Amino acid sequence: MTVRLAVRLTPRGGRNASEGWARDEKGQPYLKARVAAPPVEGAANVALETMIAKALKVSRGSVRIVAGDQSRLKILEIDGVAQDDIDRVFGRPT
């Protein structure tokens, strides 16, 4: 099973952490996340993929950015998890 997850990333955030949910102007939920890595040569994207994989207990290869690799709002695809796993680890969007 593959799940899509929208994430708004803050690079150089001082630490690697998820910070709950928010909604965009269309009402679509996204997970807020920060990583310590700078947005240089994909370092922040790798840190995000690693953080999400660790939180969900899947391999880093199971997490990939499929849209927005150069923007703050990214779409991730995660293999081997269900939406219930996302809700359990990160909570449900409000």
N, C-alpha and C. Protein backbone atom coordinates (compact mmCIF):
# COMPACT_ATOMS: atom_id res chain seq x y z
N MET A 1 0.84 -1.18 0.00
CA MET A 1 0.00 0.00 0.00
C MET A 1 0.89 1.25 0.00
N THR A 2 0.49 2.25 -0.73
CA THR A 2 1.21 3.52 -0.80
C THR A 2 0.29 4.65 -0.39
N VAL A 3 0.80 5.53 0.47
CA VAL A 3 0.04 6.67 0.97
C VAL A 3 0.73 7.95 0.52
N ARG A 4 -0.07 8.95 0.15
CA ARG A 4 0.47 10.28 -0.17
C ARG A 4 0.32 11.17 1.05
N LEU A 5 1.35 11.99 1.30
CA LEU A 5 1.36 12.88 2.45
C LEU A 5 1.89 14.23 2.01
N ALA A 6 1.12 15.29 2.26
CA ALA A 6 1.56 16.65 1.98
C ALA A 6 2.30 17.17 3.21
N VAL A 7 3.48 17.75 2.97
CA VAL A 7 4.30 18.26 4.07
C VAL A 7 4.81 19.65 3.72
N ARG A 8 4.70 20.57 4.67
CA ARG A 8 5.30 21.90 4.50
C ARG A 8 6.58 21.89 5.33
N LEU A 9 7.72 22.02 4.66
CA LEU A 9 9.02 21.85 5.28
C LEU A 9 9.68 23.18 5.58
N THR A 10 10.23 23.29 6.78
CA THR A 10 11.06 24.44 7.16
C THR A 10 12.49 23.94 7.32
N PRO A 11 13.36 24.24 6.34
CA PRO A 11 14.77 23.86 6.49
C PRO A 11 15.47 24.79 7.48
N ARG A 12 16.62 24.37 7.96
CA ARG A 12 17.38 25.13 8.97
C ARG A 12 16.50 25.44 10.19
N GLY A 13 15.67 24.48 10.55
CA GLY A 13 14.72 24.68 11.64
C GLY A 13 15.28 24.38 13.01
N GLY A 14 16.57 24.08 13.09
CA GLY A 14 17.21 23.86 14.38
C GLY A 14 17.14 22.42 14.88
N ARG A 15 16.14 21.68 14.45
CA ARG A 15 15.98 20.28 14.87
C ARG A 15 15.09 19.59 13.85
N ASN A 16 15.07 18.27 13.90
CA ASN A 16 14.20 17.49 13.03
C ASN A 16 12.96 17.10 13.83
N ALA A 17 11.79 17.60 13.40
CA ALA A 17 10.57 17.31 14.14
C ALA A 17 9.34 17.61 13.29
N SER A 18 8.27 16.87 13.56
CA SER A 18 6.97 17.23 12.98
C SER A 18 6.27 18.12 13.99
N GLU A 19 5.44 19.03 13.50
CA GLU A 19 4.83 20.03 14.37
C GLU A 19 3.33 20.14 14.20
N GLY A 20 2.69 19.02 13.88
CA GLY A 20 1.24 19.03 13.77
C GLY A 20 0.75 19.38 12.38
N TRP A 21 -0.55 19.57 12.30
CA TRP A 21 -1.22 19.76 11.02
C TRP A 21 -1.69 21.19 10.84
N ALA A 22 -1.81 21.60 9.59
CA ALA A 22 -2.43 22.87 9.21
C ALA A 22 -3.17 22.62 7.91
N ARG A 23 -3.86 23.63 7.43
CA ARG A 23 -4.60 23.52 6.16
C ARG A 23 -4.20 24.66 5.24
N ASP A 24 -4.15 24.35 3.94
CA ASP A 24 -3.84 25.38 2.96
C ASP A 24 -5.09 26.20 2.65
N GLU A 25 -4.96 27.14 1.72
CA GLU A 25 -6.09 28.03 1.41
C GLU A 25 -7.29 27.30 0.83
N LYS A 26 -7.07 26.09 0.31
CA LYS A 26 -8.16 25.29 -0.23
C LYS A 26 -8.74 24.33 0.82
N GLY A 27 -8.18 24.36 2.01
CA GLY A 27 -8.67 23.49 3.07
C GLY A 27 -8.02 22.12 3.11
N GLN A 28 -7.01 21.90 2.27
CA GLN A 28 -6.34 20.60 2.24
C GLN A 28 -5.32 20.52 3.39
N PRO A 29 -5.31 19.41 4.13
CA PRO A 29 -4.38 19.30 5.26
C PRO A 29 -2.94 19.03 4.80
N TYR A 30 -2.00 19.55 5.57
CA TYR A 30 -0.59 19.22 5.37
C TYR A 30 0.09 19.14 6.73
N LEU A 31 1.11 18.31 6.80
CA LEU A 31 1.89 18.15 8.01
C LEU A 31 2.98 19.21 8.02
N LYS A 32 3.14 19.89 9.14
CA LYS A 32 4.22 20.86 9.28
C LYS A 32 5.44 20.12 9.83
N ALA A 33 6.60 20.34 9.20
CA ALA A 33 7.82 19.67 9.64
C ALA A 33 8.99 20.63 9.53
N ARG A 34 9.99 20.40 10.36
CA ARG A 34 11.23 21.17 10.28
C ARG A 34 12.41 20.23 10.34
N VAL A 35 13.48 20.60 9.69
CA VAL A 35 14.72 19.84 9.73
C VAL A 35 15.87 20.81 9.98
N ALA A 36 16.93 20.30 10.57
CA ALA A 36 18.11 21.13 10.85
C ALA A 36 18.91 21.40 9.58
N ALA A 37 18.82 20.53 8.60
CA ALA A 37 19.63 20.64 7.38
C ALA A 37 19.23 21.86 6.55
N PRO A 38 20.20 22.45 5.86
CA PRO A 38 19.90 23.59 4.98
C PRO A 38 19.32 23.10 3.65
N PRO A 39 18.65 23.99 2.92
CA PRO A 39 18.07 23.60 1.63
C PRO A 39 19.12 23.66 0.51
N VAL A 40 20.24 22.98 0.72
CA VAL A 40 21.34 23.01 -0.23
C VAL A 40 21.59 21.59 -0.74
N GLU A 41 21.62 21.45 -2.06
CA GLU A 41 21.91 20.16 -2.71
C GLU A 41 21.02 19.03 -2.19
N GLY A 42 19.77 19.35 -1.88
CA GLY A 42 18.81 18.33 -1.47
C GLY A 42 18.96 17.83 -0.04
N ALA A 43 19.82 18.46 0.76
CA ALA A 43 20.06 17.99 2.12
C ALA A 43 18.79 18.03 2.97
N ALA A 44 18.00 19.08 2.85
CA ALA A 44 16.77 19.18 3.64
C ALA A 44 15.77 18.11 3.21
N ASN A 45 15.69 17.83 1.92
CA ASN A 45 14.78 16.79 1.43
C ASN A 45 15.17 15.42 1.96
N VAL A 46 16.47 15.11 1.95
CA VAL A 46 16.94 13.83 2.48
C VAL A 46 16.63 13.74 3.97
N ALA A 47 16.85 14.83 4.70
CA ALA A 47 16.56 14.84 6.14
C ALA A 47 15.07 14.61 6.39
N LEU A 48 14.22 15.22 5.56
CA LEU A 48 12.78 15.01 5.71
C LEU A 48 12.41 13.56 5.45
N GLU A 49 12.89 12.99 4.36
CA GLU A 49 12.59 11.60 4.04
C GLU A 49 13.05 10.68 5.17
N THR A 50 14.23 10.93 5.70
CA THR A 50 14.77 10.12 6.79
C THR A 50 13.93 10.25 8.05
N MET A 51 13.53 11.47 8.39
CA MET A 51 12.72 11.70 9.59
C MET A 51 11.37 11.00 9.48
N ILE A 52 10.70 11.12 8.33
CA ILE A 52 9.39 10.49 8.14
C ILE A 52 9.52 8.96 8.18
N ALA A 53 10.55 8.42 7.52
CA ALA A 53 10.78 6.97 7.52
C ALA A 53 11.00 6.45 8.94
N LYS A 54 11.81 7.15 9.71
CA LYS A 54 12.08 6.73 11.08
C LYS A 54 10.81 6.76 11.93
N ALA A 55 10.03 7.82 11.79
CA ALA A 55 8.79 7.95 12.57
C ALA A 55 7.81 6.83 12.24
N LEU A 56 7.74 6.46 10.96
CA LEU A 56 6.79 5.43 10.53
C LEU A 56 7.38 4.02 10.57
N LYS A 57 8.66 3.92 10.93
CA LYS A 57 9.35 2.63 11.02
C LYS A 57 9.35 1.88 9.68
N VAL A 58 9.70 2.60 8.62
CA VAL A 58 9.89 2.01 7.30
C VAL A 58 11.28 2.41 6.82
N SER A 59 11.76 1.76 5.76
CA SER A 59 13.07 2.11 5.23
C SER A 59 13.02 3.48 4.57
N ARG A 60 14.16 4.17 4.53
CA ARG A 60 14.20 5.48 3.90
C ARG A 60 13.85 5.38 2.42
N GLY A 61 14.14 4.25 1.80
CA GLY A 61 13.79 4.04 0.39
C GLY A 61 12.29 3.96 0.15
N SER A 62 11.52 3.74 1.22
CA SER A 62 10.06 3.67 1.10
C SER A 62 9.42 5.05 1.07
N VAL A 63 10.20 6.10 1.36
CA VAL A 63 9.69 7.47 1.41
C VAL A 63 10.35 8.27 0.30
N ARG A 64 9.54 8.88 -0.55
CA ARG A 64 10.12 9.69 -1.64
C ARG A 64 9.26 10.90 -1.91
N ILE A 65 9.93 11.97 -2.28
CA ILE A 65 9.25 13.20 -2.65
C ILE A 65 8.86 13.08 -4.11
N VAL A 66 7.57 13.19 -4.40
CA VAL A 66 7.09 13.04 -5.78
C VAL A 66 6.69 14.38 -6.40
N ALA A 67 6.57 15.41 -5.57
CA ALA A 67 6.25 16.76 -6.08
C ALA A 67 6.75 17.78 -5.09
N GLY A 68 7.25 18.90 -5.61
CA GLY A 68 7.65 20.00 -4.75
C GLY A 68 9.04 19.90 -4.19
N ASP A 69 9.93 19.18 -4.84
CA ASP A 69 11.27 19.01 -4.28
C ASP A 69 12.03 20.33 -4.16
N GLN A 70 11.62 21.36 -4.90
CA GLN A 70 12.26 22.68 -4.81
C GLN A 70 11.40 23.71 -4.07
N SER A 71 10.26 23.29 -3.52
CA SER A 71 9.39 24.23 -2.82
C SER A 71 9.20 23.78 -1.38
N ARG A 72 8.59 24.64 -0.59
CA ARG A 72 8.37 24.29 0.82
C ARG A 72 7.27 23.25 0.99
N LEU A 73 6.26 23.28 0.12
CA LEU A 73 5.18 22.30 0.20
C LEU A 73 5.53 21.12 -0.70
N LYS A 74 5.65 19.96 -0.10
CA LYS A 74 6.08 18.77 -0.81
C LYS A 74 5.00 17.69 -0.71
N ILE A 75 4.94 16.84 -1.72
CA ILE A 75 4.08 15.67 -1.68
C ILE A 75 4.99 14.45 -1.60
N LEU A 76 4.79 13.65 -0.56
CA LEU A 76 5.57 12.44 -0.37
C LEU A 76 4.70 11.24 -0.67
N GLU A 77 5.31 10.20 -1.21
CA GLU A 77 4.68 8.89 -1.31
C GLU A 77 5.43 7.96 -0.38
N ILE A 78 4.68 7.21 0.41
CA ILE A 78 5.27 6.33 1.40
C ILE A 78 4.74 4.92 1.16
N ASP A 79 5.64 4.00 0.88
CA ASP A 79 5.27 2.60 0.65
C ASP A 79 5.24 1.84 1.97
N GLY A 80 4.33 0.87 2.06
CA GLY A 80 4.30 -0.03 3.19
C GLY A 80 3.56 0.48 4.41
N VAL A 81 2.81 1.57 4.26
CA VAL A 81 2.01 2.09 5.37
C VAL A 81 0.59 2.35 4.89
N ALA A 82 -0.32 2.43 5.84
CA ALA A 82 -1.71 2.78 5.55
C ALA A 82 -1.99 4.14 6.17
N GLN A 83 -3.10 4.74 5.79
CA GLN A 83 -3.47 6.04 6.36
C GLN A 83 -3.59 5.96 7.88
N ASP A 84 -4.03 4.81 8.39
CA ASP A 84 -4.13 4.63 9.84
C ASP A 84 -2.77 4.77 10.52
N ASP A 85 -1.70 4.32 9.85
CA ASP A 85 -0.35 4.45 10.40
C ASP A 85 0.05 5.93 10.49
N ILE A 86 -0.28 6.70 9.45
CA ILE A 86 0.01 8.14 9.45
C ILE A 86 -0.74 8.79 10.61
N ASP A 87 -2.02 8.47 10.76
CA ASP A 87 -2.85 9.06 11.81
C ASP A 87 -2.31 8.70 13.20
N ARG A 88 -1.86 7.46 13.37
CA ARG A 88 -1.36 7.01 14.66
C ARG A 88 -0.08 7.75 15.04
N VAL A 89 0.82 7.94 14.07
CA VAL A 89 2.12 8.55 14.36
C VAL A 89 2.04 10.07 14.46
N PHE A 90 1.31 10.70 13.53
CA PHE A 90 1.30 12.16 13.45
C PHE A 90 -0.02 12.78 13.92
N GLY A 91 -0.99 11.95 14.28
CA GLY A 91 -2.30 12.46 14.66
C GLY A 91 -3.16 12.68 13.42
N ARG A 92 -4.43 12.98 13.66
CA ARG A 92 -5.33 13.25 12.52
C ARG A 92 -5.33 14.73 12.24
N PRO A 93 -5.45 15.09 10.95
CA PRO A 93 -5.56 16.52 10.61
C PRO A 93 -6.80 17.13 11.28
N THR A 94 -6.65 18.35 11.75
CA THR A 94 -7.78 19.04 12.40
C THR A 94 -8.54 19.87 11.41
